[in-house]
Amino acid sequence: MNIGEIARRAGVSRSTVSYALSGKRPVSAATVQRINDVISELGYRPNASARALAEGRTRTLGLVVPPASRRLTDVQLGFVGSVVDAAAAHDLDVLLSPSGGDHDRSFERIVTGRRVDGVILMEILLEDPRVERLSQASLPFVTIGHVEHPGASWWVDVDYGALITRCVHHLADLGHEEVVLINRSAELVAAGYGPALRSATGFLDATEARGLTARTVCCADDAAAGLACFEQIRTQWPSVTAAVTINEAALPGVQRALHRAGLEVPRDFSLTGVIAERLAEDFHPPLTAADVPAVELGRLAVDLLLAQIADAGAEPRNALLEPPISLRSSTGARRQG
């Protein structure tokens, strides 16, 4: 069944049916009701492509994700899932596109192909050429994360610096005097990955303020690296009694290393950080941590993008979230002696 048949049965022109469906021009309430009655009778559903053409929109959002060669973390998967769910609530589709490495052409197709109404960009560097490219293209976009100088842009983020600072103060209050930051990989830090650099700054500032001995180490995003990283910490700095981390993918390896070293958490070693809630709960014992609100961030990103699409002249908005530290069982007083 098509628009022509609906027009014939309703006794109106095809263009009137199109205007009634798209809302692009006013149609009398009586005519709209007559058209809707015919549609209900016929069980008609507009073709998605035809509806998009009539509306001047694709009804699709682009979500730019890390390359498929990289295993997504729980937080990243949370972003993807929440964006897809939030878009579906608005009857919108999501087109996933990788960026970075050999995927520049895929990102460029998103930017220039007008295949989407707007873009959500994940994993932001302090100086991110993708953000600059989207700004030049005048394509509505929102970032999960933010560049060093966001200016008039739309973004949502977690305040990693503030959260890591609070983790350090928590450990200091428990009497720990030498602590280590287990950061993301050296490659991400060198590239200017926002959460990694902001976490390092917050960690160093907080340890200095509390008079603690600070150690930092970079760790790749996998369990084997986590195990090797913790063994390195124990070899180089055996007096370290607590760690703060944003590297959730390394946590299983850190846990194995703790067990291998015969260290009981939190009696012998305390661990905290900024981590996905599920991983924090699955750690043994459950991890004292700021739980990254991935679902809320994804939903906010979609809401901001839709507001921008609806009103291209709207004032840019952003949201910097600072979730509370969930006190669980992985931190305790420094063991004396």
C-alpha atoms as a PDB file:
ATOM      1  CA  MET A   1       0.000   0.000   0.000  1.00  0.00           C
ATOM      2  CA  ASN A   2       1.330   3.455  -0.923  1.00  0.00           C
ATOM      3  CA  ILE A   3       0.552   7.150  -0.545  1.00  0.00           C
ATOM      4  CA  GLY A   4      -1.344   7.184  -3.851  1.00  0.00           C
ATOM      5  CA  GLU A   5      -3.854   4.616  -2.605  1.00  0.00           C
ATOM      6  CA  ILE A   6      -4.293   6.497   0.675  1.00  0.00           C
ATOM      7  CA  ALA A   7      -4.904   9.747  -1.256  1.00  0.00           C
ATOM      8  CA  ARG A   8      -7.494   8.052  -3.519  1.00  0.00           C
ATOM      9  CA  ARG A   9      -9.454   6.578  -0.609  1.00  0.00           C
ATOM     10  CA  ALA A  10      -9.288   9.779   1.439  1.00  0.00           C
ATOM     11  CA  GLY A  11     -10.291  11.899  -1.549  1.00  0.00           C
ATOM     12  CA  VAL A  12      -7.239  14.173  -1.365  1.00  0.00           C
ATOM     13  CA  SER A  13      -4.062  14.722  -3.366  1.00  0.00           C
ATOM     14  CA  ARG A  14      -0.824  12.810  -2.820  1.00  0.00           C
ATOM     15  CA  SER A  15       0.862  16.014  -1.685  1.00  0.00           C
ATOM     16  CA  THR A  16      -1.810  16.545   0.976  1.00  0.00           C
ATOM     17  CA  VAL A  17      -1.125  13.070   2.368  1.00  0.00           C
ATOM     18  CA  SER A  18       2.596  13.810   2.353  1.00  0.00           C
ATOM     19  CA  TYR A  19       2.098  17.110   4.184  1.00  0.00           C
ATOM     20  CA  ALA A  20      -0.178  15.462   6.735  1.00  0.00           C
ATOM     21  CA  LEU A  21       2.425  12.782   7.454  1.00  0.00           C
ATOM     22  CA  SER A  22       5.442  15.096   7.583  1.00  0.00           C
ATOM     23  CA  GLY A  23       3.879  18.192   9.116  1.00  0.00           C
ATOM     24  CA  LYS A  24       5.828  20.377   6.680  1.00  0.00           C
ATOM     25  CA  ARG A  25       2.672  22.329   5.731  1.00  0.00           C
ATOM     26  CA  PRO A  26      -0.596  22.899   7.596  1.00  0.00           C
ATOM     27  CA  VAL A  27      -3.461  20.553   6.800  1.00  0.00           C
ATOM     28  CA  SER A  28      -6.941  20.965   8.287  1.00  0.00           C
ATOM     29  CA  ALA A  29      -7.727  18.809  11.307  1.00  0.00           C
ATOM     30  CA  ALA A  30     -10.686  17.198   9.501  1.00  0.00           C
ATOM     31  CA  THR A  31      -8.490  16.215   6.538  1.00  0.00           C
ATOM     32  CA  VAL A  32      -5.755  14.864   8.810  1.00  0.00           C
ATOM     33  CA  GLN A  33      -8.358  12.796  10.660  1.00  0.00           C
ATOM     34  CA  ARG A  34      -9.734  11.415   7.381  1.00  0.00           C
ATOM     35  CA  ILE A  35      -6.224  10.470   6.224  1.00  0.00           C
ATOM     36  CA  ASN A  36      -5.414   8.857   9.583  1.00  0.00           C
ATOM     37  CA  ASP A  37      -8.634   6.851   9.440  1.00  0.00           C
ATOM     38  CA  VAL A  38      -7.658   5.483   6.025  1.00  0.00           C
ATOM     39  CA  ILE A  39      -4.143   4.704   7.270  1.00  0.00           C
ATOM     40  CA  SER A  40      -5.543   2.834  10.266  1.00  0.00           C
ATOM     41  CA  GLU A  41      -7.953   0.929   8.041  1.00  0.00           C
ATOM     42  CA  LEU A  42      -5.190  -0.091   5.633  1.00  0.00           C
ATOM     43  CA  GLY A  43      -2.544  -0.760   8.297  1.00  0.00           C
ATOM     44  CA  TYR A  44      -0.145   1.487   6.390  1.00  0.00           C
ATOM     45  CA  ARG A  45       3.350   2.218   7.685  1.00  0.00           C
ATOM     46  CA  PRO A  46       5.348   4.866   5.821  1.00  0.00           C
ATOM     47  CA  ASN A  47       8.519   3.653   4.145  1.00  0.00           C
ATOM     48  CA  ALA A  48      11.455   4.820   6.282  1.00  0.00           C
ATOM     49  CA  SER A  49      13.346   6.271   3.341  1.00  0.00           C
ATOM     50  CA  ALA A  50      10.281   8.101   2.053  1.00  0.00           C
ATOM     51  CA  ARG A  51       9.538   9.508   5.480  1.00  0.00           C
ATOM     52  CA  ALA A  52      13.138  10.653   5.893  1.00  0.00           C
ATOM     53  CA  LEU A  53      13.009  12.357   2.504  1.00  0.00           C
ATOM     54  CA  ALA A  54       9.749  14.102   3.379  1.00  0.00           C
ATOM     55  CA  GLU A  55      11.163  15.292   6.710  1.00  0.00           C
ATOM     56  CA  GLY A  56      14.524  16.293   5.284  1.00  0.00           C
ATOM     57  CA  ARG A  57      16.171  13.995   7.832  1.00  0.00           C
ATOM     58  CA  THR A  58      17.707  10.535   7.882  1.00  0.00           C
ATOM     59  CA  ARG A  59      16.314   9.679  11.337  1.00  0.00           C
ATOM     60  CA  THR A  60      19.722   8.151  12.024  1.00  0.00           C
ATOM     61  CA  LEU A  61      22.412   9.201  14.486  1.00  0.00           C
ATOM     62  CA  GLY A  62      26.071   8.395  13.987  1.00  0.00           C
ATOM     63  CA  LEU A  63      28.085   6.967  16.890  1.00  0.00           C
ATOM     64  CA  VAL A  64      31.841   7.043  16.315  1.00  0.00           C
ATOM     65  CA  VAL A  65      33.524   4.258  18.292  1.00  0.00           C
ATOM     66  CA  PRO A  66      37.116   3.040  18.702  1.00  0.00           C
ATOM     67  CA  PRO A  67      38.418   0.646  16.002  1.00  0.00           C
ATOM     68  CA  ALA A  68      37.035  -2.889  16.073  1.00  0.00           C
ATOM     69  CA  SER A  69      40.574  -4.173  16.617  1.00  0.00           C
ATOM     70  CA  ARG A  70      40.437  -2.710  20.125  1.00  0.00           C
ATOM     71  CA  ARG A  71      38.353  -4.527  22.692  1.00  0.00           C
ATOM     72  CA  LEU A  72      35.806  -2.114  24.118  1.00  0.00           C
ATOM     73  CA  THR A  73      35.822  -1.658  27.874  1.00  0.00           C
ATOM     74  CA  ASP A  74      32.698  -2.047  29.984  1.00  0.00           C
ATOM     75  CA  VAL A  75      32.351   1.732  30.168  1.00  0.00           C
ATOM     76  CA  GLN A  76      32.640   2.060  26.377  1.00  0.00           C
ATOM     77  CA  LEU A  77      30.097  -0.718  25.843  1.00  0.00           C
ATOM     78  CA  GLY A  78      27.856   1.088  28.316  1.00  0.00           C
ATOM     79  CA  PHE A  79      28.077   4.235  26.198  1.00  0.00           C
ATOM     80  CA  VAL A  80      27.173   2.292  23.040  1.00  0.00           C
ATOM     81  CA  GLY A  81      24.246   0.495  24.641  1.00  0.00           C
ATOM     82  CA  SER A  82      22.809   3.603  26.266  1.00  0.00           C
ATOM     83  CA  VAL A  83      23.071   5.669  23.066  1.00  0.00           C
ATOM     84  CA  VAL A  84      21.286   2.946  21.082  1.00  0.00           C
ATOM     85  CA  ASP A  85      18.548   2.634  23.713  1.00  0.00           C
ATOM     86  CA  ALA A  86      18.053   6.389  24.009  1.00  0.00           C
ATOM     87  CA  ALA A  87      17.889   6.784  20.232  1.00  0.00           C
ATOM     88  CA  ALA A  88      15.375   3.936  19.935  1.00  0.00           C
ATOM     89  CA  ALA A  89      13.129   5.715  22.439  1.00  0.00           C
ATOM     90  CA  HIS A  90      12.898   8.514  19.850  1.00  0.00           C
ATOM     91  CA  ASP A  91      12.339   6.035  16.977  1.00  0.00           C
ATOM     92  CA  LEU A  92      15.833   6.705  15.640  1.00  0.00           C
ATOM     93  CA  ASP A  93      18.490   4.345  14.316  1.00  0.00           C
ATOM     94  CA  VAL A  94      22.190   4.437  15.190  1.00  0.00           C
ATOM     95  CA  LEU A  95      24.970   3.966  12.647  1.00  0.00           C
ATOM     96  CA  LEU A  96      28.209   2.766  14.266  1.00  0.00           C
ATOM     97  CA  SER A  97      31.409   3.949  12.638  1.00  0.00           C
ATOM     98  CA  PRO A  98      35.003   3.307  13.794  1.00  0.00           C
ATOM     99  CA  SER A  99      37.645   6.015  13.775  1.00  0.00           C
ATOM    100  CA  GLY A 100      41.387   6.046  14.239  1.00  0.00           C
ATOM    101  CA  GLY A 101      44.068   3.919  12.662  1.00  0.00           C
ATOM    102  CA  ASP A 102      42.978   2.803   9.192  1.00  0.00           C
ATOM    103  CA  HIS A 103      39.412   4.029   9.646  1.00  0.00           C
ATOM    104  CA  ASP A 104      39.725   7.668   8.601  1.00  0.00           C
ATOM    105  CA  ARG A 105      37.708   7.022   5.436  1.00  0.00           C
ATOM    106  CA  SER A 106      34.828   5.611   7.458  1.00  0.00           C
ATOM    107  CA  PHE A 107      34.780   8.722   9.650  1.00  0.00           C
ATOM    108  CA  GLU A 108      34.974  10.968   6.587  1.00  0.00           C
ATOM    109  CA  ARG A 109      31.953   9.210   5.050  1.00  0.00           C
ATOM    110  CA  ILE A 110      29.996   9.978   8.208  1.00  0.00           C
ATOM    111  CA  VAL A 111      31.018  13.628   8.000  1.00  0.00           C
ATOM    112  CA  THR A 112      30.481  14.253   4.295  1.00  0.00           C
ATOM    113  CA  GLY A 113      27.926  11.661   3.241  1.00  0.00           C
ATOM    114  CA  ARG A 114      24.959  13.182   5.097  1.00  0.00           C
ATOM    115  CA  ARG A 115      24.012   9.666   6.106  1.00  0.00           C
ATOM    116  CA  VAL A 116      23.146  10.841   9.626  1.00  0.00           C
ATOM    117  CA  ASP A 117      21.411  13.815  11.222  1.00  0.00           C
ATOM    118  CA  GLY A 118      24.119  14.222  13.843  1.00  0.00           C
ATOM    119  CA  VAL A 119      27.086  12.496  15.455  1.00  0.00           C
ATOM    120  CA  ILE A 120      28.085  11.366  18.926  1.00  0.00           C
ATOM    121  CA  LEU A 121      31.847  11.051  19.272  1.00  0.00           C
ATOM    122  CA  MET A 122      33.506   8.889  21.957  1.00  0.00           C
ATOM    123  CA  GLU A 123      37.021   8.730  23.423  1.00  0.00           C
ATOM    124  CA  ILE A 124      38.107  12.340  23.141  1.00  0.00           C
ATOM    125  CA  LEU A 125      41.695  13.599  23.080  1.00  0.00           C
ATOM    126  CA  LEU A 126      42.631  16.961  24.578  1.00  0.00           C
ATOM    127  CA  GLU A 127      43.418  18.071  21.037  1.00  0.00           C
ATOM    128  CA  ASP A 128      41.162  15.982  18.821  1.00  0.00           C
ATOM    129  CA  PRO A 129      41.234  16.505  15.035  1.00  0.00           C
ATOM    130  CA  ARG A 130      37.887  14.729  14.701  1.00  0.00           C
ATOM    131  CA  VAL A 131      36.225  17.435  16.781  1.00  0.00           C
ATOM    132  CA  GLU A 132      37.754  20.104  14.576  1.00  0.00           C
ATOM    133  CA  ARG A 133      36.606  18.255  11.440  1.00  0.00           C
ATOM    134  CA  LEU A 134      33.021  18.018  12.648  1.00  0.00           C
ATOM    135  CA  SER A 135      33.028  21.694  13.590  1.00  0.00           C
ATOM    136  CA  GLN A 136      34.142  22.606  10.067  1.00  0.00           C
ATOM    137  CA  ALA A 137      31.454  20.398   8.532  1.00  0.00           C
ATOM    138  CA  SER A 138      28.632  22.185  10.396  1.00  0.00           C
ATOM    139  CA  LEU A 139      27.197  18.776  11.276  1.00  0.00           C
ATOM    140  CA  PRO A 140      25.482  18.639  14.694  1.00  0.00           C
ATOM    141  CA  PHE A 141      27.620  16.654  17.116  1.00  0.00           C
ATOM    142  CA  VAL A 142      28.093  15.905  20.803  1.00  0.00           C
ATOM    143  CA  THR A 143      31.194  14.448  22.418  1.00  0.00           C
ATOM    144  CA  ILE A 144      31.364  12.006  25.320  1.00  0.00           C
ATOM    145  CA  GLY A 145      34.447  13.604  26.828  1.00  0.00           C
ATOM    146  CA  HIS A 146      35.760  17.041  25.960  1.00  0.00           C
ATOM    147  CA  VAL A 147      38.784  18.657  24.378  1.00  0.00           C
ATOM    148  CA  GLU A 148      41.100  20.856  26.453  1.00  0.00           C
ATOM    149  CA  HIS A 149      39.451  24.075  25.273  1.00  0.00           C
ATOM    150  CA  PRO A 150      35.866  23.065  24.362  1.00  0.00           C
ATOM    151  CA  GLY A 151      34.664  26.598  23.660  1.00  0.00           C
ATOM    152  CA  ALA A 152      31.204  26.669  22.096  1.00  0.00           C
ATOM    153  CA  SER A 153      30.695  22.932  21.803  1.00  0.00           C
ATOM    154  CA  TRP A 154      28.222  20.365  23.106  1.00  0.00           C
ATOM    155  CA  TRP A 155      29.608  17.640  25.382  1.00  0.00           C
ATOM    156  CA  VAL A 156      29.079  15.370  28.371  1.00  0.00           C
ATOM    157  CA  ASP A 157      31.834  13.998  30.573  1.00  0.00           C
ATOM    158  CA  VAL A 158      32.861  12.629  33.947  1.00  0.00           C
ATOM    159  CA  ASP A 159      35.108  14.833  36.089  1.00  0.00           C
ATOM    160  CA  TYR A 160      37.973  12.345  36.270  1.00  0.00           C
ATOM    161  CA  GLY A 161      40.344  14.824  37.897  1.00  0.00           C
ATOM    162  CA  ALA A 162      37.954  15.577  40.755  1.00  0.00           C
ATOM    163  CA  LEU A 163      37.043  11.921  41.263  1.00  0.00           C
ATOM    164  CA  ILE A 164      40.659  10.734  41.370  1.00  0.00           C
ATOM    165  CA  THR A 165      41.381  13.570  43.819  1.00  0.00           C
ATOM    166  CA  ARG A 166      38.623  12.298  46.105  1.00  0.00           C
ATOM    167  CA  CYS A 167      39.993   8.750  45.866  1.00  0.00           C
ATOM    168  CA  VAL A 168      43.429   9.999  46.976  1.00  0.00           C
ATOM    169  CA  HIS A 169      41.949  11.912  49.911  1.00  0.00           C
ATOM    170  CA  HIS A 170      40.046   8.784  50.920  1.00  0.00           C
ATOM    171  CA  LEU A 171      43.284   6.764  50.977  1.00  0.00           C
ATOM    172  CA  ALA A 172      45.124   9.514  52.845  1.00  0.00           C
ATOM    173  CA  ASP A 173      42.376   9.591  55.472  1.00  0.00           C
ATOM    174  CA  LEU A 174      42.966   5.852  55.958  1.00  0.00           C
ATOM    175  CA  GLY A 175      46.639   6.496  56.708  1.00  0.00           C
ATOM    176  CA  HIS A 176      48.228   5.464  53.393  1.00  0.00           C
ATOM    177  CA  GLU A 177      51.441   7.352  52.737  1.00  0.00           C
ATOM    178  CA  GLU A 178      52.704   5.908  49.437  1.00  0.00           C
ATOM    179  CA  VAL A 179      50.184   5.343  46.661  1.00  0.00           C
ATOM    180  CA  VAL A 180      50.283   4.567  42.942  1.00  0.00           C
ATOM    181  CA  LEU A 181      48.120   5.573  39.995  1.00  0.00           C
ATOM    182  CA  ILE A 182      47.529   2.733  37.508  1.00  0.00           C
ATOM    183  CA  ASN A 183      46.675   4.745  34.406  1.00  0.00           C
ATOM    184  CA  ARG A 184      45.706   3.734  30.863  1.00  0.00           C
ATOM    185  CA  SER A 185      48.304   2.747  28.260  1.00  0.00           C
ATOM    186  CA  ALA A 186      51.386   4.800  27.471  1.00  0.00           C
ATOM    187  CA  GLU A 187      50.088   5.164  23.893  1.00  0.00           C
ATOM    188  CA  LEU A 188      46.828   6.755  25.069  1.00  0.00           C
ATOM    189  CA  VAL A 189      48.656   9.069  27.459  1.00  0.00           C
ATOM    190  CA  ALA A 190      51.066  10.124  24.697  1.00  0.00           C
ATOM    191  CA  ALA A 191      48.123  10.734  22.341  1.00  0.00           C
ATOM    192  CA  GLY A 192      46.557  13.120  24.848  1.00  0.00           C
ATOM    193  CA  TYR A 193      43.616  10.969  25.960  1.00  0.00           C
ATOM    194  CA  GLY A 194      41.553  13.267  28.158  1.00  0.00           C
ATOM    195  CA  PRO A 195      40.576  10.970  31.080  1.00  0.00           C
ATOM    196  CA  ALA A 196      44.134   9.655  31.430  1.00  0.00           C
ATOM    197  CA  LEU A 197      45.750  13.082  31.565  1.00  0.00           C
ATOM    198  CA  ARG A 198      43.107  14.629  33.811  1.00  0.00           C
ATOM    199  CA  SER A 199      43.379  11.654  36.174  1.00  0.00           C
ATOM    200  CA  ALA A 200      47.158  12.024  36.345  1.00  0.00           C
ATOM    201  CA  THR A 201      46.872  15.737  37.108  1.00  0.00           C
ATOM    202  CA  GLY A 202      44.266  15.153  39.812  1.00  0.00           C
ATOM    203  CA  PHE A 203      46.346  12.360  41.332  1.00  0.00           C
ATOM    204  CA  LEU A 204      49.577  14.355  41.499  1.00  0.00           C
ATOM    205  CA  ASP A 205      47.887  17.483  42.811  1.00  0.00           C
ATOM    206  CA  ALA A 206      46.050  15.548  45.523  1.00  0.00           C
ATOM    207  CA  THR A 207      49.072  13.539  46.663  1.00  0.00           C
ATOM    208  CA  GLU A 208      51.116  16.712  46.891  1.00  0.00           C
ATOM    209  CA  ALA A 209      48.397  18.441  48.880  1.00  0.00           C
ATOM    210  CA  ARG A 210      48.280  15.546  51.359  1.00  0.00           C
ATOM    211  CA  GLY A 211      52.043  15.053  51.526  1.00  0.00           C
ATOM    212  CA  LEU A 212      51.949  11.530  50.092  1.00  0.00           C
ATOM    213  CA  THR A 213      54.619   9.781  48.067  1.00  0.00           C
ATOM    214  CA  ALA A 214      53.149   9.445  44.580  1.00  0.00           C
ATOM    215  CA  ARG A 215      53.973   6.794  41.994  1.00  0.00           C
ATOM    216  CA  THR A 216      52.453   6.543  38.532  1.00  0.00           C
ATOM    217  CA  VAL A 217      52.478   3.773  35.964  1.00  0.00           C
ATOM    218  CA  CYS A 218      50.872   3.268  32.563  1.00  0.00           C
ATOM    219  CA  CYS A 219      49.206  -0.042  31.808  1.00  0.00           C
ATOM    220  CA  ALA A 220      47.734  -1.514  28.629  1.00  0.00           C
ATOM    221  CA  ASP A 221      44.021  -2.339  28.595  1.00  0.00           C
ATOM    222  CA  ASP A 222      44.054  -6.068  29.279  1.00  0.00           C
ATOM    223  CA  ALA A 223      44.385  -8.534  32.129  1.00  0.00           C
ATOM    224  CA  ALA A 224      47.900  -9.730  31.242  1.00  0.00           C
ATOM    225  CA  ALA A 225      49.141  -6.138  31.340  1.00  0.00           C
ATOM    226  CA  GLY A 226      47.419  -5.604  34.673  1.00  0.00           C
ATOM    227  CA  LEU A 227      49.206  -8.589  36.186  1.00  0.00           C
ATOM    228  CA  ALA A 228      52.605  -7.469  34.844  1.00  0.00           C
ATOM    229  CA  CYS A 229      51.955  -3.892  35.921  1.00  0.00           C
ATOM    230  CA  PHE A 230      51.189  -4.816  39.517  1.00  0.00           C
ATOM    231  CA  GLU A 231      54.216  -7.102  39.728  1.00  0.00           C
ATOM    232  CA  GLN A 232      56.315  -4.187  38.475  1.00  0.00           C
ATOM    233  CA  ILE A 233      54.846  -1.966  41.195  1.00  0.00           C
ATOM    234  CA  ARG A 234      55.706  -4.514  43.881  1.00  0.00           C
ATOM    235  CA  THR A 235      59.260  -4.865  42.578  1.00  0.00           C
ATOM    236  CA  GLN A 236      59.996  -1.156  42.135  1.00  0.00           C
ATOM    237  CA  TRP A 237      58.042   0.285  45.061  1.00  0.00           C
ATOM    238  CA  PRO A 238      57.404  -2.431  47.676  1.00  0.00           C
ATOM    239  CA  SER A 239      56.336   0.208  50.218  1.00  0.00           C
ATOM    240  CA  VAL A 240      53.269   1.213  48.149  1.00  0.00           C
ATOM    241  CA  THR A 241      50.161   0.220  50.116  1.00  0.00           C
ATOM    242  CA  ALA A 242      47.343   1.480  47.894  1.00  0.00           C
ATOM    243  CA  ALA A 243      46.476   2.080  44.250  1.00  0.00           C
ATOM    244  CA  VAL A 244      44.051   4.288  42.342  1.00  0.00           C
ATOM    245  CA  THR A 245      43.058   3.323  38.799  1.00  0.00           C
ATOM    246  CA  ILE A 246      40.900   4.223  35.822  1.00  0.00           C
ATOM    247  CA  ASN A 247      42.042   1.114  33.916  1.00  0.00           C
ATOM    248  CA  GLU A 248      39.141  -1.272  34.372  1.00  0.00           C
ATOM    249  CA  ALA A 249      40.331  -3.708  31.685  1.00  0.00           C
ATOM    250  CA  ALA A 250      43.507  -4.352  33.704  1.00  0.00           C
ATOM    251  CA  LEU A 251      41.633  -5.122  36.933  1.00  0.00           C
ATOM    252  CA  PRO A 252      41.349  -8.914  36.493  1.00  0.00           C
ATOM    253  CA  GLY A 253      45.124  -9.096  36.093  1.00  0.00           C
ATOM    254  CA  VAL A 254      45.688  -6.856  39.110  1.00  0.00           C
ATOM    255  CA  GLN A 255      43.459  -9.167  41.125  1.00  0.00           C
ATOM    256  CA  ARG A 256      45.457 -12.228  40.036  1.00  0.00           C
ATOM    257  CA  ALA A 257      48.710 -10.456  40.911  1.00  0.00           C
ATOM    258  CA  LEU A 258      47.415  -9.602  44.373  1.00  0.00           C
ATOM    259  CA  HIS A 259      46.483 -13.245  44.933  1.00  0.00           C
ATOM    260  CA  ARG A 260      49.833 -14.458  43.583  1.00  0.00           C
ATOM    261  CA  ALA A 261      51.673 -12.099  45.947  1.00  0.00           C
ATOM    262  CA  GLY A 262      49.624 -13.336  48.900  1.00  0.00           C
ATOM    263  CA  LEU A 263      48.188  -9.889  49.553  1.00  0.00           C
ATOM    264  CA  GLU A 264      44.740  -9.641  51.091  1.00  0.00           C
ATOM    265  CA  VAL A 265      42.540  -6.708  50.124  1.00  0.00           C
ATOM    266  CA  PRO A 266      42.123  -4.426  52.020  1.00  0.00           C
ATOM    267  CA  ARG A 267      44.162  -5.787  54.951  1.00  0.00           C
ATOM    268  CA  ASP A 268      47.476  -5.700  53.048  1.00  0.00           C
ATOM    269  CA  PHE A 269      46.654  -3.474  50.084  1.00  0.00           C
ATOM    270  CA  SER A 270      43.874  -1.016  49.238  1.00  0.00           C
ATOM    271  CA  LEU A 271      42.489  -0.385  45.764  1.00  0.00           C
ATOM    272  CA  THR A 272      40.070   2.250  44.466  1.00  0.00           C
ATOM    273  CA  GLY A 273      39.376   4.294  41.335  1.00  0.00           C
ATOM    274  CA  VAL A 274      36.882   5.313  38.667  1.00  0.00           C
ATOM    275  CA  ILE A 275      35.361   2.136  37.240  1.00  0.00           C
ATOM    276  CA  ALA A 276      32.189   0.729  35.646  1.00  0.00           C
ATOM    277  CA  GLU A 277      29.779  -0.316  38.386  1.00  0.00           C
ATOM    278  CA  ARG A 278      29.506  -3.943  37.222  1.00  0.00           C
ATOM    279  CA  LEU A 279      33.266  -4.448  37.396  1.00  0.00           C
ATOM    280  CA  ALA A 280      33.452  -2.755  40.773  1.00  0.00           C
ATOM    281  CA  GLU A 281      30.800  -5.124  42.119  1.00  0.00           C
ATOM    282  CA  ASP A 282      32.471  -8.184  40.542  1.00  0.00           C
ATOM    283  CA  PHE A 283      35.886  -7.432  42.029  1.00  0.00           C
ATOM    284  CA  HIS A 284      36.791  -9.483  45.116  1.00  0.00           C
ATOM    285  CA  PRO A 285      36.175  -7.859  47.472  1.00  0.00           C
ATOM    286  CA  PRO A 286      33.810  -5.320  45.856  1.00  0.00           C
ATOM    287  CA  LEU A 287      35.728  -2.226  44.807  1.00  0.00           C
ATOM    288  CA  THR A 288      35.391   1.130  46.502  1.00  0.00           C
ATOM    289  CA  ALA A 289      35.031   3.370  43.443  1.00  0.00           C
ATOM    290  CA  ALA A 290      33.310   6.189  41.653  1.00  0.00           C
ATOM    291  CA  ASP A 291      30.971   4.299  39.331  1.00  0.00           C
ATOM    292  CA  VAL A 292      31.049   5.746  35.815  1.00  0.00           C
ATOM    293  CA  PRO A 293      27.411   6.602  34.936  1.00  0.00           C
ATOM    294  CA  ALA A 294      27.664   5.317  31.353  1.00  0.00           C
ATOM    295  CA  VAL A 295      23.900   4.983  30.880  1.00  0.00           C
ATOM    296  CA  GLU A 296      23.256   8.546  32.044  1.00  0.00           C
ATOM    297  CA  LEU A 297      26.084   9.915  29.889  1.00  0.00           C
ATOM    298  CA  GLY A 298      24.782   8.159  26.774  1.00  0.00           C
ATOM    299  CA  ARG A 299      21.230   9.365  27.375  1.00  0.00           C
ATOM    300  CA  LEU A 300      22.402  12.925  27.976  1.00  0.00           C
ATOM    301  CA  ALA A 301      24.485  12.833  24.789  1.00  0.00           C
ATOM    302  CA  VAL A 302      21.430  11.816  22.742  1.00  0.00           C
ATOM    303  CA  ASP A 303      19.249  14.463  24.419  1.00  0.00           C
ATOM    304  CA  LEU A 304      21.799  17.192  23.672  1.00  0.00           C
ATOM    305  CA  LEU A 305      22.233  16.042  20.090  1.00  0.00           C
ATOM    306  CA  LEU A 306      18.488  16.040  19.442  1.00  0.00           C
ATOM    307  CA  ALA A 307      18.199  19.526  20.948  1.00  0.00           C
ATOM    308  CA  GLN A 308      20.946  20.713  18.630  1.00  0.00           C
ATOM    309  CA  ILE A 309      19.351  19.066  15.582  1.00  0.00           C
ATOM    310  CA  ALA A 310      15.997  20.651  16.407  1.00  0.00           C
ATOM    311  CA  ASP A 311      17.479  24.122  16.845  1.00  0.00           C
ATOM    312  CA  ALA A 312      20.743  24.801  15.037  1.00  0.00           C
ATOM    313  CA  GLY A 313      20.990  28.186  16.732  1.00  0.00           C
ATOM    314  CA  ALA A 314      20.635  26.913  20.284  1.00  0.00           C
ATOM    315  CA  GLU A 315      23.266  27.887  22.836  1.00  0.00           C
ATOM    316  CA  PRO A 316      25.784  25.025  23.331  1.00  0.00           C
ATOM    317  CA  ARG A 317      25.216  22.977  26.469  1.00  0.00           C
ATOM    318  CA  ASN A 318      27.352  20.520  28.397  1.00  0.00           C
ATOM    319  CA  ALA A 319      27.239  18.320  31.488  1.00  0.00           C
ATOM    320  CA  LEU A 320      30.171  17.424  33.753  1.00  0.00           C
ATOM    321  CA  LEU A 321      29.135  14.609  36.100  1.00  0.00           C
ATOM    322  CA  GLU A 322      30.796  13.826  39.399  1.00  0.00           C
ATOM    323  CA  PRO A 323      29.248  10.617  40.776  1.00  0.00           C
ATOM    324  CA  PRO A 324      29.780   9.796  44.448  1.00  0.00           C
ATOM    325  CA  ILE A 325      32.423   7.373  45.668  1.00  0.00           C
ATOM    326  CA  SER A 326      30.658   4.103  46.492  1.00  0.00           C
ATOM    327  CA  LEU A 327      32.301   2.777  49.651  1.00  0.00           C
ATOM    328  CA  ARG A 328      32.552  -0.975  49.303  1.00  0.00           C
ATOM    329  CA  SER A 329      35.200  -3.311  50.725  1.00  0.00           C
ATOM    330  CA  SER A 330      38.481  -2.787  48.876  1.00  0.00           C
ATOM    331  CA  THR A 331      39.926   0.037  50.977  1.00  0.00           C
ATOM    332  CA  GLY A 332      41.037  -0.026  54.593  1.00  0.00           C
ATOM    333  CA  ALA A 333      43.450   1.505  57.069  1.00  0.00           C
ATOM    334  CA  ARG A 334      47.130   1.185  56.267  1.00  0.00           C
ATOM    335  CA  ARG A 335      48.579  -1.798  58.078  1.00  0.00           C
ATOM    336  CA  GLN A 336      51.238  -0.700  60.535  1.00  0.00           C
ATOM    337  CA  GLY A 337      54.632  -2.381  60.600  1.00  0.00           C
END
